[in-house]
């Protein structure tokens, strides 16, 4: 495990009485919950996501897409 991951795990373990195994189990369960929520959101919004994808592809083909750097500059991001 790299140093950064080890430090993160130590911090998580503090919330579980120092038990790194319990911290990992909880992190895995949380990861699965988040993935499940994302899958459901993608399923629920599949039609809109497809529409946006087709529109974006059309913009790129037609040369009307705006580069991200220009969008950021225009919106002061």
PDB file of N, CA and C in Angstrom:
ATOM      1  N   UNK A   1       0.860  -1.171   0.000  1.00  0.00           N
ATOM      2  CA  UNK A   1       0.000   0.000   0.000  1.00  0.00           C
ATOM      3  C   UNK A   1       0.900   1.225   0.000  1.00  0.00           C
ATOM      4  N   UNK A   2       0.555   2.229  -0.808  1.00  0.00           N
ATOM      5  CA  UNK A   2       1.359   3.445  -0.847  1.00  0.00           C
ATOM      6  C   UNK A   2       1.119   4.266   0.424  1.00  0.00           C
ATOM      7  N   UNK A   3       2.005   5.228   0.649  1.00  0.00           N
ATOM      8  CA  UNK A   3       1.955   6.018   1.887  1.00  0.00           C
ATOM      9  C   UNK A   3       0.649   6.789   2.043  1.00  0.00           C
ATOM     10  N   UNK A   4       0.182   7.401   0.964  1.00  0.00           N
ATOM     11  CA  UNK A   4      -1.050   8.186   1.053  1.00  0.00           C
ATOM     12  C   UNK A   4      -2.230   7.295   1.430  1.00  0.00           C
ATOM     13  N   UNK A   5      -2.347   6.144   0.785  1.00  0.00           N
ATOM     14  CA  UNK A   5      -3.447   5.221   1.097  1.00  0.00           C
ATOM     15  C   UNK A   5      -3.343   4.727   2.534  1.00  0.00           C
ATOM     16  N   UNK A   6      -2.132   4.482   2.978  1.00  0.00           N
ATOM     17  CA  UNK A   6      -1.925   4.015   4.351  1.00  0.00           C
ATOM     18  C   UNK A   6      -2.365   5.083   5.351  1.00  0.00           C
ATOM     19  N   UNK A   7      -2.048   6.344   5.084  1.00  0.00           N
ATOM     20  CA  UNK A   7      -2.475   7.438   5.974  1.00  0.00           C
ATOM     21  C   UNK A   7      -4.003   7.559   5.979  1.00  0.00           C
ATOM     22  N   UNK A   8      -4.613   7.443   4.791  1.00  0.00           N
ATOM     23  CA  UNK A   8      -6.073   7.528   4.711  1.00  0.00           C
ATOM     24  C   UNK A   8      -6.706   6.396   5.510  1.00  0.00           C
ATOM     25  N   UNK A   9      -6.173   5.188   5.348  1.00  0.00           N
ATOM     26  CA  UNK A   9      -6.710   4.039   6.068  1.00  0.00           C
ATOM     27  C   UNK A   9      -6.545   4.218   7.568  1.00  0.00           C
ATOM     28  N   UNK A  10      -5.407   4.748   7.999  1.00  0.00           N
ATOM     29  CA  UNK A  10      -5.222   5.002   9.431  1.00  0.00           C
ATOM     30  C   UNK A  10      -6.279   5.977   9.950  1.00  0.00           C
ATOM     31  N   UNK A  11      -6.563   7.018   9.170  1.00  0.00           N
ATOM     32  CA  UNK A  11      -7.591   7.980   9.572  1.00  0.00           C
ATOM     33  C   UNK A  11      -8.962   7.335   9.646  1.00  0.00           C
ATOM     34  N   UNK A  12      -9.263   6.479   8.674  1.00  0.00           N
ATOM     35  CA  UNK A  12     -10.548   5.778   8.693  1.00  0.00           C
ATOM     36  C   UNK A  12     -10.622   4.825   9.876  1.00  0.00           C
ATOM     37  N   UNK A  13      -9.512   4.168  10.164  1.00  0.00           N
ATOM     38  CA  UNK A  13      -9.488   3.190  11.254  1.00  0.00           C
ATOM     39  C   UNK A  13      -9.759   3.855  12.605  1.00  0.00           C
ATOM     40  N   UNK A  14      -9.342   5.109  12.755  1.00  0.00           N
ATOM     41  CA  UNK A  14      -9.597   5.826  14.007  1.00  0.00           C
ATOM     42  C   UNK A  14     -11.092   5.878  14.312  1.00  0.00           C
ATOM     43  N   UNK A  15     -11.899   5.920  13.271  1.00  0.00           N
ATOM     44  CA  UNK A  15     -13.357   5.953  13.458  1.00  0.00           C
ATOM     45  C   UNK A  15     -13.927   4.587  13.824  1.00  0.00           C
ATOM     46  N   UNK A  16     -13.065   3.562  13.759  1.00  0.00           N
ATOM     47  CA  UNK A  16     -13.489   2.191  14.041  1.00  0.00           C
ATOM     48  C   UNK A  16     -12.576   1.568  15.100  1.00  0.00           C
ATOM     49  N   UNK A  17     -12.278   2.342  16.125  1.00  0.00           N
ATOM     50  CA  UNK A  17     -11.445   1.896  17.256  1.00  0.00           C
ATOM     51  C   UNK A  17     -10.104   1.349  16.808  1.00  0.00           C
ATOM     52  N   UNK A  18      -9.558   1.923  15.723  1.00  0.00           N
ATOM     53  CA  UNK A  18      -8.245   1.504  15.242  1.00  0.00           C
ATOM     54  C   UNK A  18      -8.256   0.235  14.410  1.00  0.00           C
ATOM     55  N   UNK A  19      -9.435  -0.317  14.187  1.00  0.00           N
ATOM     56  CA  UNK A  19      -9.556  -1.574  13.449  1.00  0.00           C
ATOM     57  C   UNK A  19      -9.535  -1.300  11.940  1.00  0.00           C
ATOM     58  N   UNK A  20      -8.368  -1.551  11.315  1.00  0.00           N
ATOM     59  CA  UNK A  20      -8.211  -1.292   9.884  1.00  0.00           C
ATOM     60  C   UNK A  20      -9.101  -2.218   9.046  1.00  0.00           C
ATOM     61  N   UNK A  21      -9.262  -3.445   9.479  1.00  0.00           N
ATOM     62  CA  UNK A  21     -10.106  -4.385   8.728  1.00  0.00           C
ATOM     63  C   UNK A  21     -11.555  -3.899   8.694  1.00  0.00           C
ATOM     64  N   UNK A  22     -12.048  -3.438   9.811  1.00  0.00           N
ATOM     65  CA  UNK A  22     -13.413  -2.920   9.872  1.00  0.00           C
ATOM     66  C   UNK A  22     -13.545  -1.674   8.993  1.00  0.00           C
ATOM     67  N   UNK A  23     -12.529  -0.821   9.010  1.00  0.00           N
ATOM     68  CA  UNK A  23     -12.548   0.378   8.170  1.00  0.00           C
ATOM     69  C   UNK A  23     -12.614  -0.008   6.692  1.00  0.00           C
ATOM     70  N   UNK A  24     -11.848  -1.011   6.290  1.00  0.00           N
ATOM     71  CA  UNK A  24     -11.862  -1.464   4.893  1.00  0.00           C
ATOM     72  C   UNK A  24     -13.222  -2.048   4.547  1.00  0.00           C
ATOM     73  N   UNK A  25     -13.795  -2.855   5.437  1.00  0.00           N
ATOM     74  CA  UNK A  25     -15.117  -3.442   5.175  1.00  0.00           C
ATOM     75  C   UNK A  25     -16.158  -2.350   4.983  1.00  0.00           C
ATOM     76  N   UNK A  26     -16.126  -1.341   5.852  1.00  0.00           N
ATOM     77  CA  UNK A  26     -17.087  -0.243   5.738  1.00  0.00           C
ATOM     78  C   UNK A  26     -16.867   0.553   4.449  1.00  0.00           C
ATOM     79  N   UNK A  27     -15.604   0.760   4.077  1.00  0.00           N
ATOM     80  CA  UNK A  27     -15.308   1.486   2.836  1.00  0.00           C
ATOM     81  C   UNK A  27     -15.821   0.706   1.627  1.00  0.00           C
ATOM     82  N   UNK A  28     -15.678  -0.608   1.645  1.00  0.00           N
ATOM     83  CA  UNK A  28     -16.168  -1.433   0.535  1.00  0.00           C
ATOM     84  C   UNK A  28     -17.689  -1.387   0.443  1.00  0.00           C
ATOM     85  N   UNK A  29     -18.344  -1.436   1.583  1.00  0.00           N
ATOM     86  CA  UNK A  29     -19.811  -1.353   1.586  1.00  0.00           C
ATOM     87  C   UNK A  29     -20.268   0.002   1.072  1.00  0.00           C
ATOM     88  N   UNK A  30     -19.589   1.059   1.491  1.00  0.00           N
ATOM     89  CA  UNK A  30     -19.932   2.403   1.030  1.00  0.00           C
ATOM     90  C   UNK A  30     -19.715   2.515  -0.468  1.00  0.00           C
ATOM     91  N   UNK A  31     -18.601   1.974  -0.939  1.00  0.00           N
ATOM     92  CA  UNK A  31     -18.308   1.990  -2.376  1.00  0.00           C
ATOM     93  C   UNK A  31     -19.424   1.297  -3.153  1.00  0.00           C
ATOM     94  N   UNK A  32     -19.853   0.158  -2.692  1.00  0.00           N
ATOM     95  CA  UNK A  32     -20.911  -0.581  -3.377  1.00  0.00           C
ATOM     96  C   UNK A  32     -22.218   0.209  -3.370  1.00  0.00           C
ATOM     97  N   UNK A  33     -22.517   0.869  -2.264  1.00  0.00           N
ATOM     98  CA  UNK A  33     -23.734   1.689  -2.191  1.00  0.00           C
ATOM     99  C   UNK A  33     -23.678   2.837  -3.189  1.00  0.00           C
ATOM    100  N   UNK A  34     -22.541   3.499  -3.259  1.00  0.00           N
ATOM    101  CA  UNK A  34     -22.385   4.614  -4.195  1.00  0.00           C
ATOM    102  C   UNK A  34     -22.518   4.114  -5.627  1.00  0.00           C
ATOM    103  N   UNK A  35     -21.870   3.006  -5.942  1.00  0.00           N
ATOM    104  CA  UNK A  35     -21.962   2.440  -7.288  1.00  0.00           C
ATOM    105  C   UNK A  35     -23.411   2.084  -7.628  1.00  0.00           C
ATOM    106  N   UNK A  36     -24.127   1.547  -6.668  1.00  0.00           N
ATOM    107  CA  UNK A  36     -25.523   1.183  -6.880  1.00  0.00           C
ATOM    108  C   UNK A  36     -26.369   2.424  -7.172  1.00  0.00           C
ATOM    109  N   UNK A  37     -26.132   3.479  -6.423  1.00  0.00           N
ATOM    110  CA  UNK A  37     -26.863   4.733  -6.637  1.00  0.00           C
ATOM    111  C   UNK A  37     -26.553   5.292  -8.026  1.00  0.00           C
ATOM    112  N   UNK A  38     -25.276   5.262  -8.421  1.00  0.00           N
ATOM    113  CA  UNK A  38     -24.901   5.766  -9.743  1.00  0.00           C
ATOM    114  C   UNK A  38     -25.546   4.944 -10.856  1.00  0.00           C
ATOM    115  N   UNK A  39     -25.568   3.622 -10.704  1.00  0.00           N
ATOM    116  CA  UNK A  39     -26.215   2.767 -11.710  1.00  0.00           C
ATOM    117  C   UNK A  39     -27.693   3.114 -11.831  1.00  0.00           C
ATOM    118  N   UNK A  40     -28.346   3.328 -10.707  1.00  0.00           N
ATOM    119  CA  UNK A  40     -29.768   3.669 -10.720  1.00  0.00           C
ATOM    120  C   UNK A  40     -30.003   5.030 -11.374  1.00  0.00           C
ATOM    121  N   UNK A  41     -29.146   5.993 -11.073  1.00  0.00           N
ATOM    122  CA  UNK A  41     -29.276   7.314 -11.682  1.00  0.00           C
ATOM    123  C   UNK A  41     -29.074   7.231 -13.198  1.00  0.00           C
ATOM    124  N   UNK A  42     -28.078   6.466 -13.622  1.00  0.00           N
ATOM    125  CA  UNK A  42     -27.834   6.304 -15.055  1.00  0.00           C
ATOM    126  C   UNK A  42     -29.022   5.627 -15.730  1.00  0.00           C
ATOM    127  N   UNK A  43     -29.586   4.634 -15.073  1.00  0.00           N
ATOM    128  CA  UNK A  43     -30.741   3.938 -15.638  1.00  0.00           C
ATOM    129  C   UNK A  43     -31.936   4.892 -15.729  1.00  0.00           C
ATOM    130  N   UNK A  44     -32.171   5.625 -14.670  1.00  0.00           N
ATOM    131  CA  UNK A  44     -33.301   6.548 -14.618  1.00  0.00           C
ATOM    132  C   UNK A  44     -33.186   7.639 -15.685  1.00  0.00           C
ATOM    133  N   UNK A  45     -31.975   8.112 -15.931  1.00  0.00           N
ATOM    134  CA  UNK A  45     -31.769   9.240 -16.842  1.00  0.00           C
ATOM    135  C   UNK A  45     -31.159   8.817 -18.178  1.00  0.00           C
ATOM    136  N   UNK A  46     -31.273   7.541 -18.516  1.00  0.00           N
ATOM    137  CA  UNK A  46     -30.631   7.011 -19.719  1.00  0.00           C
ATOM    138  C   UNK A  46     -31.060   7.749 -20.983  1.00  0.00           C
ATOM    139  N   UNK A  47     -32.333   8.029 -21.127  1.00  0.00           N
ATOM    140  CA  UNK A  47     -32.809   8.710 -22.330  1.00  0.00           C
ATOM    141  C   UNK A  47     -32.178  10.089 -22.484  1.00  0.00           C
ATOM    142  N   UNK A  48     -32.149  10.850 -21.404  1.00  0.00           N
ATOM    143  CA  UNK A  48     -31.564  12.194 -21.445  1.00  0.00           C
ATOM    144  C   UNK A  48     -30.056  12.121 -21.694  1.00  0.00           C
ATOM    145  N   UNK A  49     -29.383  11.162 -21.063  1.00  0.00           N
ATOM    146  CA  UNK A  49     -27.943  11.011 -21.282  1.00  0.00           C
ATOM    147  C   UNK A  49     -27.645  10.672 -22.740  1.00  0.00           C
ATOM    148  N   UNK A  50     -28.455   9.791 -23.342  1.00  0.00           N
ATOM    149  CA  UNK A  50     -28.278   9.457 -24.763  1.00  0.00           C
ATOM    150  C   UNK A  50     -28.509  10.684 -25.638  1.00  0.00           C
ATOM    151  N   UNK A  51     -29.546  11.458 -25.314  1.00  0.00           N
ATOM    152  CA  UNK A  51     -29.849  12.661 -26.085  1.00  0.00           C
ATOM    153  C   UNK A  51     -28.677  13.639 -26.033  1.00  0.00           C
ATOM    154  N   UNK A  52     -28.128  13.846 -24.846  1.00  0.00           N
ATOM    155  CA  UNK A  52     -26.996  14.753 -24.688  1.00  0.00           C
ATOM    156  C   UNK A  52     -25.764  14.244 -25.438  1.00  0.00           C
ATOM    157  N   UNK A  53     -25.556  12.944 -25.405  1.00  0.00           N
ATOM    158  CA  UNK A  53     -24.415  12.344 -26.115  1.00  0.00           C
ATOM    159  C   UNK A  53     -24.553  12.575 -27.616  1.00  0.00           C
ATOM    160  N   UNK A  54     -25.722  12.309 -28.165  1.00  0.00           N
ATOM    161  CA  UNK A  54     -25.955  12.502 -29.597  1.00  0.00           C
ATOM    162  C   UNK A  54     -25.758  13.975 -29.954  1.00  0.00           C
ATOM    163  N   UNK A  55     -26.291  14.875 -29.144  1.00  0.00           N
ATOM    164  CA  UNK A  55     -26.149  16.305 -29.392  1.00  0.00           C
ATOM    165  C   UNK A  55     -24.676  16.724 -29.366  1.00  0.00           C
ATOM    166  N   UNK A  56     -23.920  16.220 -28.397  1.00  0.00           N
ATOM    167  CA  UNK A  56     -22.501  16.552 -28.296  1.00  0.00           C
ATOM    168  C   UNK A  56     -21.724  16.033 -29.493  1.00  0.00           C
ATOM    169  N   UNK A  57     -21.998  14.787 -29.882  1.00  0.00           N
ATOM    170  CA  UNK A  57     -21.314  14.216 -31.046  1.00  0.00           C
ATOM    171  C   UNK A  57     -21.618  15.038 -32.301  1.00  0.00           C
ATOM    172  N   UNK A  58     -22.858  15.456 -32.443  1.00  0.00           N
ATOM    173  CA  UNK A  58     -23.251  16.270 -33.595  1.00  0.00           C
ATOM    174  C   UNK A  58     -22.484  17.602 -33.581  1.00  0.00           C
ATOM    175  N   UNK A  59     -22.374  18.220 -32.405  1.00  0.00           N
ATOM    176  CA  UNK A  59     -21.647  19.488 -32.286  1.00  0.00           C
ATOM    177  C   UNK A  59     -20.186  19.324 -32.695  1.00  0.00           C
ATOM    178  N   UNK A  60     -19.555  18.231 -32.281  1.00  0.00           N
ATOM    179  CA  UNK A  60     -18.163  17.996 -32.652  1.00  0.00           C
ATOM    180  C   UNK A  60     -18.032  17.771 -34.155  1.00  0.00           C
ATOM    181  N   UNK A  61     -18.927  16.969 -34.724  1.00  0.00           N
ATOM    182  CA  UNK A  61     -18.894  16.719 -36.170  1.00  0.00           C
ATOM    183  C   UNK A  61     -19.080  18.008 -36.963  1.00  0.00           C
ATOM    184  N   UNK A  62     -19.987  18.866 -36.496  1.00  0.00           N
ATOM    185  CA  UNK A  62     -20.305  20.100 -37.213  1.00  0.00           C
ATOM    186  C   UNK A  62     -19.328  21.237 -36.910  1.00  0.00           C
ATOM    187  N   UNK A  63     -18.405  20.989 -35.977  1.00  0.00           N
ATOM    188  CA  UNK A  63     -17.427  22.018 -35.624  1.00  0.00           C
ATOM    189  C   UNK A  63     -18.005  23.144 -34.789  1.00  0.00           C
ATOM    190  N   UNK A  64     -19.128  22.892 -34.146  1.00  0.00           N
ATOM    191  CA  UNK A  64     -19.756  23.941 -33.328  1.00  0.00           C
ATOM    192  C   UNK A  64     -19.510  23.763 -31.832  1.00  0.00           C
ATOM    193  N   UNK A  65     -18.750  22.736 -31.462  1.00  0.00           N
ATOM    194  CA  UNK A  65     -18.440  22.498 -30.049  1.00  0.00           C
ATOM    195  C   UNK A  65     -17.498  23.594 -29.548  1.00  0.00           C
ATOM    196  N   UNK A  66     -17.655  23.979 -28.308  1.00  0.00           N
ATOM    197  CA  UNK A  66     -16.822  25.019 -27.705  1.00  0.00           C
ATOM    198  C   UNK A  66     -15.784  24.327 -26.820  1.00  0.00           C
ATOM    199  N   UNK A  67     -14.496  24.622 -27.033  1.00  0.00           N
ATOM    200  CA  UNK A  67     -13.445  23.998 -26.202  1.00  0.00           C
ATOM    201  C   UNK A  67     -13.650  24.317 -24.715  1.00  0.00           C
ATOM    202  N   UNK A  68     -13.319  23.353 -23.867  1.00  0.00           N
ATOM    203  CA  UNK A  68     -13.501  23.495 -22.425  1.00  0.00           C
ATOM    204  C   UNK A  68     -12.771  24.715 -21.878  1.00  0.00           C
ATOM    205  N   UNK A  69     -11.573  24.980 -22.361  1.00  0.00           N
ATOM    206  CA  UNK A  69     -10.822  26.135 -21.878  1.00  0.00           C
ATOM    207  C   UNK A  69     -11.586  27.432 -22.145  1.00  0.00           C
ATOM    208  N   UNK A  70     -12.250  27.510 -23.286  1.00  0.00           N
ATOM    209  CA  UNK A  70     -13.039  28.696 -23.621  1.00  0.00           C
ATOM    210  C   UNK A  70     -14.273  28.804 -22.708  1.00  0.00           C
ATOM    211  N   UNK A  71     -14.896  27.681 -22.419  1.00  0.00           N
ATOM    212  CA  UNK A  71     -16.054  27.671 -21.509  1.00  0.00           C
ATOM    213  C   UNK A  71     -15.631  28.170 -20.135  1.00  0.00           C
ATOM    214  N   UNK A  72     -14.499  27.661 -19.634  1.00  0.00           N
ATOM    215  CA  UNK A  72     -14.007  28.088 -18.321  1.00  0.00           C
ATOM    216  C   UNK A  72     -13.710  29.578 -18.299  1.00  0.00           C
ATOM    217  N   UNK A  73     -13.055  30.076 -19.360  1.00  0.00           N
ATOM    218  CA  UNK A  73     -12.711  31.489 -19.415  1.00  0.00           C
ATOM    219  C   UNK A  73     -13.972  32.346 -19.456  1.00  0.00           C
ATOM    220  N   UNK A  74     -14.937  31.938 -20.276  1.00  0.00           N
ATOM    221  CA  UNK A  74     -16.176  32.695 -20.421  1.00  0.00           C
ATOM    222  C   UNK A  74     -16.947  32.757 -19.101  1.00  0.00           C
ATOM    223  N   UNK A  75     -16.861  31.672 -18.319  1.00  0.00           N
ATOM    224  CA  UNK A  75     -17.598  31.603 -17.053  1.00  0.00           C
ATOM    225  C   UNK A  75     -16.741  31.906 -15.836  1.00  0.00           C
ATOM    226  N   UNK A  76     -15.536  32.407 -16.099  1.00  0.00           N
ATOM    227  CA  UNK A  76     -14.600  32.796 -15.028  1.00  0.00           C
ATOM    228  C   UNK A  76     -14.376  31.667 -14.025  1.00  0.00           C
ATOM    229  N   UNK A  77     -14.116  30.479 -14.565  1.00  0.00           N
ATOM    230  CA  UNK A  77     -13.858  29.314 -13.709  1.00  0.00           C
ATOM    231  C   UNK A  77     -12.372  29.088 -13.546  1.00  0.00           C
TER     232      UNK A  77
END
